[in-house]
Protein backbone atom coordinates (compact mmCIF):
# COMPACT_ATOMS: atom_id res chain seq x y z
CA MET A 1 -4.51 -0.29 -77.80
CA ALA A 2 -5.09 -0.94 -74.13
CA SER A 3 -6.52 1.84 -71.90
CA ILE A 4 -4.33 3.27 -69.09
CA THR A 5 -7.22 4.27 -66.87
CA GLY A 6 -6.19 1.78 -64.21
CA ALA A 7 -8.52 1.21 -61.23
CA SER A 8 -11.92 2.79 -61.45
CA ASN A 9 -12.25 3.81 -57.77
CA SER A 10 -11.47 7.39 -56.66
CA VAL A 11 -9.63 8.63 -53.55
CA SER A 12 -10.42 12.06 -52.11
CA ASN A 13 -7.87 14.03 -50.11
CA SER A 14 -9.76 15.95 -47.44
CA ASN A 15 -6.96 18.50 -47.09
CA LEU A 16 -6.74 19.31 -50.78
CA GLY A 17 -10.11 18.63 -52.28
CA LEU A 18 -8.11 16.85 -55.06
CA THR A 19 -9.65 13.61 -56.40
CA SER A 20 -7.95 11.51 -59.09
CA TYR A 21 -10.43 9.75 -61.39
CA SER A 22 -7.97 9.15 -64.20
CA SER A 23 -4.87 7.52 -62.72
CA GLY A 24 -6.08 5.78 -59.62
CA ILE A 25 -3.25 7.51 -57.75
CA ASP A 26 -4.11 9.20 -54.41
CA PHE A 27 -2.34 12.51 -54.97
CA GLY A 28 -3.51 13.80 -51.55
CA VAL A 29 -1.56 11.08 -49.76
CA LEU A 30 1.50 11.84 -51.86
CA ILE A 31 1.28 15.55 -51.13
CA ASP A 32 0.77 14.92 -47.39
CA ALA A 33 3.82 12.66 -47.34
CA ILE A 34 5.99 15.20 -49.12
CA VAL A 35 4.80 18.06 -46.89
CA ALA A 36 5.21 15.92 -43.76
CA ARG A 37 8.80 15.12 -44.70
CA SER A 38 9.43 18.80 -45.35
CA SER A 39 7.82 19.81 -42.03
CA LEU A 40 10.45 18.17 -39.83
CA PRO A 41 12.27 21.51 -39.29
CA LEU A 42 8.94 23.09 -38.29
CA GLN A 43 8.27 20.33 -35.79
CA GLN A 44 11.71 20.84 -34.31
CA LEU A 45 11.04 24.57 -33.94
CA GLN A 46 7.68 23.89 -32.31
CA SER A 47 9.27 21.43 -29.91
CA GLN A 48 11.93 23.99 -28.98
CA ARG A 49 9.25 26.61 -28.42
CA SER A 50 7.23 24.28 -26.20
CA THR A 51 10.30 23.48 -24.11
CA ILE A 52 11.26 27.13 -23.68
CA GLN A 53 7.69 28.24 -22.92
CA ALA A 54 7.51 25.58 -20.20
CA ARG A 55 10.63 27.12 -18.68
CA VAL A 56 9.07 30.58 -18.83
CA ASP A 57 5.94 29.35 -17.04
CA ALA A 58 8.03 27.56 -14.42
CA LEU A 59 10.22 30.61 -13.81
CA ARG A 60 7.15 32.78 -13.38
CA GLU A 61 5.87 30.39 -10.74
CA LEU A 62 9.28 30.44 -9.05
CA ASN A 63 9.33 34.24 -9.08
CA SER A 64 5.82 34.40 -7.63
CA ARG A 65 6.99 32.30 -4.69
CA LEU A 66 10.15 34.35 -4.33
CA ILE A 67 8.08 37.54 -4.16
CA LYS A 68 6.05 36.07 -1.30
CA LEU A 69 9.30 35.12 0.44
CA THR A 70 10.64 38.64 -0.06
CA ASP A 71 7.48 40.12 1.45
CA ALA A 72 7.73 37.78 4.44
CA VAL A 73 11.40 38.63 5.00
CA ARG A 74 10.71 42.35 4.63
CA ALA A 75 8.18 42.10 7.47
CA LEU A 76 10.92 40.64 9.68
CA SER A 77 13.49 43.25 8.71
CA ASP A 78 11.20 46.17 9.58
CA GLU A 79 12.78 48.42 12.20
CA THR A 80 9.42 48.72 13.96
CA LEU A 81 9.36 44.98 14.69
CA SER A 82 10.84 45.63 18.12
CA ALA A 83 7.99 48.02 18.90
CA THR A 84 5.22 45.47 18.28
CA ARG A 85 2.89 45.58 21.27
CA ALA A 86 -0.23 43.82 22.54
CA ALA A 87 -2.56 44.84 25.35
CA THR A 88 -4.89 42.70 27.46
CA SER A 89 -7.57 43.44 30.03
CA SER A 90 -8.20 41.09 32.93
CA ASN A 91 -11.89 42.04 32.94
CA THR A 92 -13.20 42.80 29.45
CA SER A 93 -16.70 43.40 30.80
CA VAL A 94 -15.30 46.55 32.47
CA ALA A 95 -12.96 47.68 29.68
CA THR A 96 -11.24 46.42 26.56
CA VAL A 97 -7.86 47.76 25.51
CA THR A 98 -5.64 48.01 22.43
CA ALA A 99 -2.03 49.11 22.08
CA SER A 100 -0.30 50.55 19.05
CA ASP A 101 3.29 49.75 18.13
CA GLY A 102 5.69 51.68 20.30
CA ALA A 103 3.52 51.78 23.41
CA THR A 104 5.54 51.49 26.60
CA PRO A 105 5.17 48.07 28.25
CA ALA A 106 3.35 48.55 31.55
CA THR A 107 0.79 47.19 34.00
CA ILE A 108 -2.13 49.54 34.63
CA ASN A 109 -4.80 49.31 37.32
CA LEU A 110 -7.98 50.79 35.88
CA THR A 111 -11.11 51.56 37.89
CA VAL A 112 -14.23 52.80 36.11
CA THR A 113 -16.39 54.80 38.52
CA ARG A 114 -18.79 56.25 35.97
CA LEU A 115 -19.43 55.81 32.25
CA ALA A 116 -19.89 58.79 29.98
CA THR A 117 -23.53 59.32 28.99
CA ALA A 118 -25.39 61.44 26.46
CA PHE A 119 -27.48 64.36 27.70
CA ALA A 120 -31.22 63.78 27.30
CA GLN A 121 -34.37 65.84 27.88
CA ALA A 122 -38.08 65.07 27.65
CA SER A 123 -41.10 67.35 27.27
CA ARG A 124 -44.39 67.16 29.11
CA SER A 125 -47.01 64.79 27.76
CA PHE A 126 -49.11 65.68 24.73
CA SER A 127 -52.21 63.82 23.61
CA SER A 128 -51.06 63.68 19.98
CA PRO A 129 -47.93 64.35 17.91
CA ASN A 130 -50.06 66.94 16.11
CA ASP A 131 -50.82 68.97 19.25
CA PRO A 132 -49.57 72.59 19.05
CA VAL A 133 -46.50 73.53 21.05
CA LEU A 134 -46.62 77.34 20.88
CA ALA A 135 -47.68 79.11 24.05
CA ALA A 136 -51.20 80.55 24.13
CA GLY A 137 -51.43 83.65 21.95
CA ALA A 138 -48.05 83.09 20.30
CA THR A 139 -47.77 82.72 16.52
CA THR A 140 -43.99 82.35 16.29
CA ALA A 141 -41.23 81.16 18.60
CA THR A 142 -37.50 80.87 18.02
CA PHE A 143 -35.08 78.47 19.71
CA GLU A 144 -31.35 77.90 19.74
CA LEU A 145 -29.67 74.51 20.02
CA ARG A 146 -26.75 75.29 22.33
CA LYS A 147 -23.89 72.84 22.72
CA GLY A 148 -21.86 72.45 25.90
CA GLY A 149 -23.34 75.48 27.64
CA ALA A 150 -22.56 77.87 24.78
CA SER A 151 -24.36 81.23 24.68
CA SER A 152 -25.65 80.66 21.15
CA GLY A 153 -26.28 77.95 18.61
CA PRO A 154 -28.19 77.01 15.45
CA THR A 155 -31.64 78.65 15.34
CA ILE A 156 -34.97 76.96 14.59
CA THR A 157 -38.35 78.62 14.19
CA ILE A 158 -41.82 77.33 15.05
CA ASP A 159 -44.73 79.15 13.44
CA THR A 160 -48.16 78.38 12.05
CA THR A 161 -46.64 76.12 9.37
CA ASN A 162 -45.07 73.67 11.82
CA ASN A 163 -46.79 74.36 15.15
CA SER A 164 -46.94 70.80 16.45
CA LEU A 165 -44.89 68.36 18.45
CA ALA A 166 -44.00 66.61 15.20
CA GLY A 167 -43.12 69.93 13.56
CA LEU A 168 -40.75 70.79 16.39
CA ARG A 169 -39.13 67.35 16.15
CA ASP A 170 -38.55 67.75 12.41
CA ALA A 171 -37.12 71.26 12.80
CA ILE A 172 -34.64 70.08 15.43
CA ASN A 173 -33.47 67.12 13.36
CA ALA A 174 -33.12 69.28 10.24
CA ALA A 175 -30.70 71.55 12.09
CA ASN A 176 -28.08 68.77 12.42
CA ALA A 177 -26.88 70.34 15.64
CA GLY A 178 -25.66 67.25 17.49
CA VAL A 179 -29.01 66.27 18.96
CA THR A 180 -31.68 63.81 17.87
CA ALA A 181 -35.38 64.44 18.51
CA THR A 182 -37.91 61.62 18.74
CA ILE A 183 -41.53 61.33 19.82
CA VAL A 184 -42.25 58.52 22.26
CA ASP A 185 -45.67 57.01 22.99
CA THR A 186 -45.21 56.85 26.75
CA SER A 187 -48.72 55.51 27.38
CA GLY A 188 -48.38 52.61 25.02
CA ASN A 189 -51.97 53.13 23.87
CA GLY A 190 -51.70 56.32 21.83
CA THR A 191 -52.93 58.75 24.47
CA GLU A 192 -49.71 60.33 25.73
CA TYR A 193 -46.68 61.44 23.71
CA GLN A 194 -43.45 63.11 24.76
CA LEU A 195 -40.68 64.78 22.79
CA VAL A 196 -37.28 63.32 23.74
CA LEU A 197 -34.04 65.13 22.87
CA THR A 198 -30.82 63.09 23.03
CA SER A 199 -27.36 64.48 22.30
CA THR A 200 -25.56 62.43 19.67
CA GLU A 201 -22.30 62.42 21.67
CA THR A 202 -21.58 61.70 25.31
CA GLY A 203 -20.12 64.05 27.88
CA ALA A 204 -20.81 67.49 29.31
CA SER A 205 -19.05 69.32 26.49
CA ASN A 206 -21.28 67.61 23.93
CA ARG A 207 -24.64 68.19 25.60
CA VAL A 208 -27.15 70.09 23.42
CA GLU A 209 -29.99 72.04 25.04
CA LEU A 210 -33.09 73.58 23.44
CA VAL A 211 -33.31 77.21 24.61
CA GLU A 212 -36.13 79.60 23.63
CA THR A 213 -34.87 83.05 22.64
CA SER A 214 -38.19 84.69 21.67
CA GLY A 215 -39.70 84.95 25.16
CA THR A 216 -43.15 83.64 24.20
CA GLY A 217 -43.30 81.11 27.01
CA THR A 218 -43.26 78.19 24.58
CA ASP A 219 -40.40 76.66 26.51
CA ALA A 220 -42.57 76.65 29.60
CA ASN A 221 -45.34 75.02 27.57
CA LEU A 222 -42.93 72.27 26.55
CA ASN A 223 -41.70 71.93 30.13
CA LEU A 224 -38.47 70.13 29.15
CA ARG A 225 -36.87 68.22 31.99
CA THR A 226 -33.50 66.49 32.17
CA LEU A 227 -33.57 62.70 32.08
CA ASN A 228 -30.02 62.29 33.42
CA SER A 229 -29.33 62.13 37.15
CA LEU A 230 -27.37 65.34 37.45
CA GLY A 231 -28.48 66.58 40.87
CA SER A 232 -29.87 70.00 41.67
CA PRO A 233 -28.61 72.33 40.53
CA ALA A 234 -27.58 70.26 37.52
CA ASP A 235 -23.98 69.09 37.62
CA TYR A 236 -23.22 68.44 33.97
CA SER A 237 -19.84 66.93 34.80
CA GLN A 238 -21.83 63.83 35.76
CA LEU A 239 -22.18 63.22 32.01
CA ASP A 240 -18.43 62.55 31.77
CA ALA A 241 -16.72 59.25 32.40
CA GLU A 242 -14.74 59.01 35.61
CA VAL A 243 -11.84 56.59 35.79
CA SER A 244 -8.85 55.98 38.00
CA ILE A 245 -5.52 55.12 36.34
CA ASN A 246 -3.16 53.70 38.97
CA GLY A 247 -4.91 55.91 41.53
CA LEU A 248 -5.09 59.06 39.41
CA VAL A 249 -8.72 60.14 38.90
CA VAL A 250 -9.52 61.65 35.50
CA HIS A 251 -12.66 62.61 33.59
CA ARG A 252 -13.33 62.26 29.88
CA ALA A 253 -16.31 63.06 27.66
CA THR A 254 -16.32 59.67 25.92
CA ASN A 255 -15.98 56.03 26.85
CA LYS A 256 -13.19 55.57 24.32
CA ILE A 257 -10.09 57.10 25.88
CA SER A 258 -6.75 57.25 24.07
CA ASP A 259 -4.97 60.20 25.70
CA LEU A 260 -4.20 58.79 29.13
CA VAL A 261 -1.35 56.39 28.30
CA ALA A 262 0.65 56.91 25.10
CA GLY A 263 -0.24 54.30 22.49
CA VAL A 264 -3.00 52.71 24.59
CA THR A 265 -6.74 53.03 23.94
CA PHE A 266 -9.31 52.08 26.58
CA GLU A 267 -12.91 51.22 25.66
CA LEU A 268 -15.01 51.55 28.81
CA LYS A 269 -17.87 49.05 29.11
CA ALA A 270 -19.13 49.17 32.71
CA THR A 271 -18.17 50.30 36.19
CA GLY A 272 -15.66 48.11 37.97
CA THR A 273 -11.96 47.34 38.11
CA THR A 274 -9.58 45.65 35.67
CA THR A 275 -5.85 45.21 35.25
CA VAL A 276 -4.43 46.17 31.88
CA SER A 277 -1.15 44.73 30.64
CA VAL A 278 0.83 46.25 27.76
CA ALA A 279 3.64 43.98 26.60
CA ASN A 280 5.66 42.86 23.59
CA ASP A 281 3.36 41.21 21.05
CA THR A 282 5.24 37.93 20.89
CA GLN A 283 2.43 36.19 19.00
CA ALA A 284 2.48 38.74 16.18
CA VAL A 285 6.24 38.28 15.79
CA ALA A 286 5.89 34.49 15.94
CA ASN A 287 3.27 34.64 13.19
CA LYS A 288 5.63 36.65 10.98
CA ILE A 289 8.43 34.16 11.57
CA LYS A 290 6.08 31.28 10.72
CA ALA A 291 5.05 33.11 7.53
CA PHE A 292 8.73 33.43 6.59
CA VAL A 293 9.39 29.73 7.18
CA ASP A 294 6.34 28.77 5.11
CA ALA A 295 7.31 31.10 2.26
CA TYR A 296 10.88 29.78 2.20
CA ASN A 297 9.67 26.17 2.18
CA SER A 298 7.27 26.97 -0.66
CA VAL A 299 10.25 28.08 -2.76
CA GLN A 300 12.23 25.00 -1.73
CA ASP A 301 9.31 22.69 -2.57
CA PHE A 302 9.19 24.15 -6.06
CA ILE A 303 12.95 23.76 -6.51
CA LEU A 304 12.73 20.12 -5.41
CA SER A 305 9.86 19.49 -7.84
CA GLN A 306 12.06 20.64 -10.73
CA GLN A 307 15.10 18.52 -9.92
CA ASN A 308 15.74 15.07 -11.38
CA ASP A 309 14.88 12.34 -8.91
CA PRO A 310 17.82 10.12 -7.84
CA SER A 311 15.69 7.11 -8.77
CA GLY A 312 15.69 8.26 -12.38
CA LYS A 313 12.40 10.11 -12.49
CA ALA A 314 12.66 13.15 -14.75
CA GLY A 315 12.35 16.57 -13.17
CA GLY A 316 10.53 19.66 -14.35
CA PRO A 317 11.26 22.16 -17.12
CA LEU A 318 13.98 23.81 -15.00
CA ALA A 319 15.85 20.62 -14.12
CA ALA A 320 18.99 21.83 -15.89
CA ASP A 321 18.34 25.56 -15.59
CA ALA A 322 21.19 27.68 -14.25
CA THR A 323 18.84 30.28 -12.76
CA LEU A 324 17.11 27.67 -10.61
CA ARG A 325 20.43 26.40 -9.32
CA ALA A 326 21.54 29.96 -8.56
CA VAL A 327 18.35 30.64 -6.59
CA GLN A 328 18.82 27.49 -4.55
CA ARG A 329 22.48 28.26 -3.88
CA ASN A 330 21.92 31.92 -2.98
CA LEU A 331 19.11 31.16 -0.56
CA ARG A 332 21.06 28.33 1.06
CA ASP A 333 24.06 30.60 1.58
CA ALA A 334 21.90 33.43 2.95
CA LEU A 335 20.22 31.12 5.46
CA SER A 336 23.54 29.63 6.53
CA ALA A 337 25.17 32.99 7.13
CA SER A 338 25.64 34.51 10.55
CA ALA A 339 24.66 37.99 11.58
CA VAL A 340 27.84 40.01 12.00
CA ASN A 341 26.42 43.31 13.22
CA ASP A 342 22.91 42.79 14.58
CA GLY A 343 23.61 44.38 17.96
CA GLY A 344 22.19 41.42 19.89
CA ALA A 345 23.35 38.23 21.59
CA PHE A 346 22.27 35.83 18.81
CA THR A 347 24.08 35.34 15.50
CA ASN A 348 22.22 32.58 13.62
CA LEU A 349 18.67 31.32 13.15
CA THR A 350 19.21 28.04 14.98
CA GLU A 351 19.48 30.01 18.22
CA ILE A 352 15.82 31.01 17.96
CA GLY A 353 14.53 27.61 16.82
CA ILE A 354 14.84 27.75 13.02
CA GLY A 355 16.72 24.78 11.57
CA ARG A 356 16.98 22.94 8.25
CA ASP A 357 16.21 19.36 7.25
CA GLU A 358 17.99 17.06 4.78
CA GLN A 359 15.97 18.46 1.86
CA GLY A 360 17.00 22.00 2.64
CA LYS A 361 13.60 23.01 3.99
CA LEU A 362 13.32 25.04 7.18
CA THR A 363 12.06 23.56 10.43
CA LEU A 364 10.62 25.51 13.33
CA ASP A 365 11.01 24.57 16.98
CA GLN A 366 7.96 26.43 18.25
CA ALA A 367 8.74 25.85 21.92
CA LYS A 368 12.24 27.26 21.55
CA LEU A 369 10.99 30.24 19.56
CA ASP A 370 8.31 31.00 22.13
CA ASP A 371 10.90 30.87 24.89
CA ARG A 372 13.20 33.26 23.02
CA LEU A 373 10.36 35.70 22.35
CA ARG A 374 9.25 35.55 25.95
CA ASN A 375 12.63 35.75 27.65
CA ALA A 376 14.94 37.29 25.03
CA PHE A 377 12.62 39.40 22.91
CA SER A 378 15.13 42.19 22.25
CA ASP A 379 17.91 39.82 21.17
CA THR A 380 15.54 37.82 18.97
CA ILE A 381 14.37 40.96 17.20
CA ALA A 382 17.97 42.17 16.89
CA LEU A 383 18.94 38.92 15.14
CA LEU A 384 16.22 39.51 12.56
CA ALA A 385 16.01 43.28 12.10
CA GLY A 386 19.05 44.65 13.88
CA LYS A 387 18.92 46.30 17.27
CA THR A 388 19.16 49.83 15.87
CA SER A 389 19.05 51.44 12.44
CA SER A 390 22.84 51.14 12.27
CA ASN A 391 22.72 47.36 12.84
CA VAL A 392 22.01 44.72 10.19
CA GLY A 393 20.00 41.62 11.07
CA LEU A 394 19.77 38.31 9.24
CA ALA A 395 16.41 39.25 7.75
CA ASP A 396 18.09 42.29 6.19
CA GLN A 397 20.78 40.05 4.70
CA ILE A 398 18.24 37.55 3.36
CA LEU A 399 16.09 40.38 2.00
CA THR A 400 19.01 41.69 -0.03
CA VAL A 401 19.41 38.27 -1.64
CA SER A 402 15.73 37.48 -2.23
CA SER A 403 14.87 40.91 -3.61
CA SER A 404 17.83 40.80 -6.01
CA MET A 405 16.32 37.63 -7.46
CA SER A 406 12.60 38.44 -7.30
CA ASP A 407 12.55 42.09 -8.38
CA GLN A 408 10.02 42.43 -11.19
CA ILE A 409 12.27 44.74 -13.20
CA SER A 410 15.90 43.96 -12.44
CA GLY A 411 15.73 40.60 -10.65
CA SER A 412 17.81 37.69 -11.91
CA VAL A 413 14.74 35.50 -12.38
CA GLN A 414 12.98 38.21 -14.34
CA SER A 415 16.07 38.59 -16.51
CA ALA A 416 16.00 34.86 -17.24
CA ILE A 417 12.30 35.07 -18.07
CA LYS A 418 13.00 37.92 -20.50
CA GLY A 419 15.77 35.94 -22.16
CA TYR A 420 13.48 32.98 -22.67
CA THR A 421 10.51 35.06 -23.84
CA ASP A 422 12.78 36.76 -26.39
CA SER A 423 13.71 33.28 -27.63
CA VAL A 424 10.03 32.36 -27.85
CA SER A 425 9.37 35.49 -29.92
CA ARG A 426 12.20 34.61 -32.31
CA LEU A 427 10.93 31.05 -32.61
CA ASP A 428 7.40 32.29 -33.27
CA LYS A 429 8.73 34.22 -36.27
CA LEU A 430 10.70 31.23 -37.53
CA ILE A 431 7.67 28.98 -37.06
CA ALA A 432 5.46 31.42 -38.96
CA ASP A 433 8.01 31.63 -41.80
CA GLN A 434 8.38 27.85 -41.92
CA GLN A 435 4.61 27.37 -41.91
CA ALA A 436 4.27 29.84 -44.77
CA ARG A 437 6.85 27.87 -46.79
CA LEU A 438 5.00 24.62 -46.13
CA ASP A 439 1.70 26.19 -47.14
CA ALA A 440 3.32 27.44 -50.35
CA LEU A 441 4.80 23.98 -50.99
CA ARG A 442 1.42 22.33 -50.51
CA GLN A 443 -0.23 24.77 -52.90
CA SER A 444 2.52 24.24 -55.49
CA LEU A 445 2.27 20.45 -55.23
CA THR A 446 -1.48 20.64 -55.50
CA ARG A 447 -1.20 22.60 -58.74
CA GLN A 448 1.47 20.27 -60.14
CA PHE A 449 -0.41 17.06 -59.38
CA ALA A 450 -3.61 18.58 -60.66
CA ALA A 451 -1.77 19.24 -63.95
CA VAL A 452 -0.46 15.65 -63.97
CA ASP A 453 -3.95 14.32 -63.39
CA ALA A 454 -5.27 16.48 -66.22
CA ALA A 455 -2.53 15.23 -68.55
CA ILE A 456 -3.30 11.61 -67.65
CA SER A 457 -6.96 12.24 -68.27
CA GLN A 458 -6.14 13.74 -71.68
CA LEU A 459 -3.94 10.77 -72.60
CA ASN A 460 -6.67 8.40 -71.51
CA GLY A 461 -9.07 10.25 -73.78
CA GLN A 462 -6.68 10.05 -76.73
CA GLY A 463 -6.10 6.35 -76.12
CA THR A 464 -9.80 5.67 -76.08
CA ALA A 465 -10.26 7.54 -79.36
CA LEU A 466 -7.42 5.60 -81.02
CA SER A 467 -8.87 2.30 -79.84
CA ASN A 468 -12.22 3.20 -81.35
CA ILE A 469 -10.60 4.00 -84.71
CA ILE A 470 -8.78 0.68 -84.73
CA LYS A 471 -11.97 -1.17 -83.88
CA SER A 472 -13.79 0.57 -86.71
CA LEU A 473 -11.20 -0.65 -89.21
CA GLN A 474 -11.28 -4.29 -88.12
CA PRO A 475 -14.46 -5.35 -90.07
CA GLN A 476 -12.97 -4.07 -93.38
CA SER A 477 -9.89 -6.24 -92.87
CA ASN A 478 -12.04 -9.32 -92.35
CA ASN A 479 -13.87 -8.85 -95.68
CA LYS A 480 -10.72 -9.02 -97.80
């Protein structure tokens, strides 16, 4: 009887670890083919998931750009836009100037006669920082650090534990009383030292003086003298800044003055004259308009990238998406609308230099915009933000549209994203279930073909045994 072992070579299936030595049949290939045919529904689910996830990612990018557009439009719809101010100084070496929103436009002639200075005193010379400062025969002296001519102040004590120029310096600094004490080598060769006291703030009201209250004569031993040119007797008002604002002379304790003209801060630098101009900050408004145009065009660029090309080139994941079309339509309508109650002379964006090209992107005529901001600032702002709180500008109208689409909770784009992500979640479950069925099918087929291979092997063994019996009987037949 012939053997049914077939070919002697073996084929190993790397996925199964199943090798057929008995039949010559590659069971691994058979199982893979069966599973592959059964996996077509899984592949379809995976393809659907990939398509929907691509839409989710694209919508998130769209929403990110819409949020930036909403922020840019919100900046133009702000009621304070009309109060945007800028200030300039014709001579910044004399004074620099800043203006806050709402400052009254004006031209100011500023003359700085005197800068505010900090009060300073110096002691007599000592041969060493370790020289004693107490008067002869004194063992203790008390001082007060008096600010602005006050009758009292923080107290410091000099006694045998700190009786030196350095000890006095450290005691003054430890008091944190608005004065800094330093020791200066006035000789430059280590033979003469002086204690210098400098008030930490400028002006007469901030001057700090060291006054002995113990009557030991230590103050006379220190022999403090004023370093400022204050005249005799001392005129402490000379520590204050003196300026003239359009002819009005005023004095202030600091060189940074913000209480002379509402919303305007002067930073005095040197004596001299300068002309200060406070006006509408047209550049700041122009920058906000440019930011709006750029943000809008960023959204439009994305929309264009998703659309099918007329030449036949396929678009992006949102080529046939209704949400994308709605965004494009809503923005186009909002930009094409006219302001009906802005309170100004202009009613549409083209009047201030904002147009639209054949692709739907915005264009900006910078020269026209600059002219409008320079010569029709109020009407330009009214077109965007409304002249008063009861008026509605175009930016307000566009903001209503863009925010309704970009809102992270209730926006139409976010709603579409949620719908798609819910679909992805459902598909993930279906894919997992389908994969589990395929895994179970593979395991079942593996067991079945393993049983077939075992049966074939058993039959081969029986056939071999039968052949051997027949062969053993053949010699007996030949002898008869």
